Amino acid sequence: MKKTVISVVGKDKVGIIFHVCQYLAGNQINILDIAQTIVQDWFNMIMIVNIQESDKDFATIASELKKIGDEIGVTITLQQEDIFDMMHRL
């Protein structure tokens, strides 16, 4: 399993989860866990996904998710789970 962390941050609006999940489903990326909150008008979401079944590599997925974020006005980042874990242990 290739666990990967997706972070989505931006002003809340209709369709953020839809656009992200539509991309994931269309690329055989399974959502393992998801948490989202809205603080005042700010949308925050973290997803743990498995990209192992996708035909696309990590860099392509990251680039395409960033493009979707740009189109809908949020920041979407993709990090490998082991790197994410190491960053948050410090």
C-alpha atoms as a PDB file:
ATOM      1  CA  MET A   1       0.000   0.000   0.000  1.00  0.00           C
ATOM      2  CA  LYS A   2       1.278   3.475  -0.910  1.00  0.00           C
ATOM      3  CA  LYS A   3      -0.280   5.726   1.702  1.00  0.00           C
ATOM      4  CA  THR A   4      -0.256   9.371   0.786  1.00  0.00           C
ATOM      5  CA  VAL A   5      -1.514  12.486   2.586  1.00  0.00           C
ATOM      6  CA  ILE A   6      -3.611  15.065   0.743  1.00  0.00           C
ATOM      7  CA  SER A   7      -4.122  18.480   2.356  1.00  0.00           C
ATOM      8  CA  VAL A   8      -6.710  20.965   1.103  1.00  0.00           C
ATOM      9  CA  VAL A   9      -6.909  24.518   2.476  1.00  0.00           C
ATOM     10  CA  GLY A  10      -8.815  27.560   1.270  1.00  0.00           C
ATOM     11  CA  LYS A  11     -11.881  29.727   1.598  1.00  0.00           C
ATOM     12  CA  ASP A  12     -14.961  27.551   1.982  1.00  0.00           C
ATOM     13  CA  LYS A  13     -17.198  27.158  -1.060  1.00  0.00           C
ATOM     14  CA  VAL A  14     -19.516  24.612  -2.606  1.00  0.00           C
ATOM     15  CA  GLY A  15     -17.862  21.720  -4.455  1.00  0.00           C
ATOM     16  CA  ILE A  16     -14.406  21.419  -2.910  1.00  0.00           C
ATOM     17  CA  ILE A  17     -14.879  17.853  -1.688  1.00  0.00           C
ATOM     18  CA  PHE A  18     -16.703  16.942  -4.905  1.00  0.00           C
ATOM     19  CA  HIS A  19     -13.830  18.046  -7.158  1.00  0.00           C
ATOM     20  CA  VAL A  20     -11.170  16.288  -5.099  1.00  0.00           C
ATOM     21  CA  CYS A  21     -13.152  13.055  -4.734  1.00  0.00           C
ATOM     22  CA  GLN A  22     -14.132  13.038  -8.405  1.00  0.00           C
ATOM     23  CA  TYR A  23     -10.437  13.144  -9.342  1.00  0.00           C
ATOM     24  CA  LEU A  24      -9.536  10.417  -6.851  1.00  0.00           C
ATOM     25  CA  ALA A  25     -12.298   8.067  -7.996  1.00  0.00           C
ATOM     26  CA  GLY A  26     -11.436   8.655 -11.646  1.00  0.00           C
ATOM     27  CA  ASN A  27      -7.827   7.647 -10.977  1.00  0.00           C
ATOM     28  CA  GLN A  28      -8.414   4.567  -8.804  1.00  0.00           C
ATOM     29  CA  ILE A  29      -7.194   6.322  -5.651  1.00  0.00           C
ATOM     30  CA  ASN A  30      -8.883   4.944  -2.548  1.00  0.00           C
ATOM     31  CA  ILE A  31      -9.695   7.179   0.437  1.00  0.00           C
ATOM     32  CA  LEU A  32      -8.594   5.456   3.644  1.00  0.00           C
ATOM     33  CA  ASP A  33      -9.391   8.252   6.095  1.00  0.00           C
ATOM     34  CA  ILE A  34     -10.703  11.783   5.878  1.00  0.00           C
ATOM     35  CA  ALA A  35     -11.141  14.712   8.265  1.00  0.00           C
ATOM     36  CA  GLN A  36     -12.417  18.149   7.409  1.00  0.00           C
ATOM     37  CA  THR A  37     -13.246  21.249   9.364  1.00  0.00           C
ATOM     38  CA  ILE A  38     -14.388  24.752   8.641  1.00  0.00           C
ATOM     39  CA  VAL A  39     -12.918  27.437  10.874  1.00  0.00           C
ATOM     40  CA  GLN A  40     -14.815  30.657  10.286  1.00  0.00           C
ATOM     41  CA  ASP A  41     -14.720  30.765   6.456  1.00  0.00           C
ATOM     42  CA  TRP A  42     -11.636  28.564   6.035  1.00  0.00           C
ATOM     43  CA  PHE A  43     -11.996  25.008   4.751  1.00  0.00           C
ATOM     44  CA  ASN A  44      -9.369  22.485   5.919  1.00  0.00           C
ATOM     45  CA  MET A  45      -9.266  18.838   4.887  1.00  0.00           C
ATOM     46  CA  ILE A  46      -6.729  16.066   5.338  1.00  0.00           C
ATOM     47  CA  MET A  47      -7.134  12.763   3.553  1.00  0.00           C
ATOM     48  CA  ILE A  48      -5.106   9.582   3.795  1.00  0.00           C
ATOM     49  CA  VAL A  49      -5.299   7.792   0.460  1.00  0.00           C
ATOM     50  CA  ASN A  50      -3.820   4.741  -1.227  1.00  0.00           C
ATOM     51  CA  ILE A  51      -2.375   5.571  -4.662  1.00  0.00           C
ATOM     52  CA  GLN A  52      -1.073   2.061  -5.369  1.00  0.00           C
ATOM     53  CA  GLU A  53      -3.863   1.124  -7.813  1.00  0.00           C
ATOM     54  CA  SER A  54      -3.549   4.330  -9.847  1.00  0.00           C
ATOM     55  CA  ASP A  55      -1.869   4.224 -13.254  1.00  0.00           C
ATOM     56  CA  LYS A  56      -0.333   7.620 -12.473  1.00  0.00           C
ATOM     57  CA  ASP A  57       2.834   8.238 -10.499  1.00  0.00           C
ATOM     58  CA  PHE A  58       3.117  10.427  -7.400  1.00  0.00           C
ATOM     59  CA  ALA A  59       4.429  13.493  -9.266  1.00  0.00           C
ATOM     60  CA  THR A  60       1.622  13.399 -11.838  1.00  0.00           C
ATOM     61  CA  ILE A  61      -1.062  13.037  -9.180  1.00  0.00           C
ATOM     62  CA  ALA A  62       0.454  15.909  -7.179  1.00  0.00           C
ATOM     63  CA  SER A  63       0.586  18.130 -10.260  1.00  0.00           C
ATOM     64  CA  GLU A  64      -2.967  17.345 -11.338  1.00  0.00           C
ATOM     65  CA  LEU A  65      -4.361  17.912  -7.840  1.00  0.00           C
ATOM     66  CA  LYS A  66      -2.512  21.235  -7.643  1.00  0.00           C
ATOM     67  CA  LYS A  67      -4.118  22.236 -10.951  1.00  0.00           C
ATOM     68  CA  ILE A  68      -7.579  21.328  -9.627  1.00  0.00           C
ATOM     69  CA  GLY A  69      -6.858  23.397  -6.527  1.00  0.00           C
ATOM     70  CA  ASP A  70      -5.823  26.358  -8.653  1.00  0.00           C
ATOM     71  CA  GLU A  71      -9.033  26.043 -10.689  1.00  0.00           C
ATOM     72  CA  ILE A  72     -11.316  25.990  -7.630  1.00  0.00           C
ATOM     73  CA  GLY A  73      -9.338  28.466  -5.524  1.00  0.00           C
ATOM     74  CA  VAL A  74      -7.797  26.237  -2.842  1.00  0.00           C
ATOM     75  CA  THR A  75      -4.338  24.877  -2.137  1.00  0.00           C
ATOM     76  CA  ILE A  76      -4.012  21.110  -2.562  1.00  0.00           C
ATOM     77  CA  THR A  77      -0.782  19.393  -1.587  1.00  0.00           C
ATOM     78  CA  LEU A  78       0.240  15.752  -1.754  1.00  0.00           C
ATOM     79  CA  GLN A  79       2.860  14.228   0.542  1.00  0.00           C
ATOM     80  CA  GLN A  80       4.136  10.704   0.960  1.00  0.00           C
ATOM     81  CA  GLU A  81       3.047   9.372   4.349  1.00  0.00           C
ATOM     82  CA  ASP A  82       6.560   8.620   5.597  1.00  0.00           C
ATOM     83  CA  ILE A  83       7.750  12.164   4.799  1.00  0.00           C
ATOM     84  CA  PHE A  84       4.611  13.645   6.382  1.00  0.00           C
ATOM     85  CA  ASP A  85       5.224  11.570   9.535  1.00  0.00           C
ATOM     86  CA  MET A  86       8.860  12.648   9.759  1.00  0.00           C
ATOM     87  CA  MET A  87       7.974  16.340   9.368  1.00  0.00           C
ATOM     88  CA  HIS A  88       5.458  16.193  12.198  1.00  0.00           C
ATOM     89  CA  ARG A  89       7.708  14.333  14.638  1.00  0.00           C
ATOM     90  CA  LEU A  90      10.061  17.291  14.980  1.00  0.00           C
END
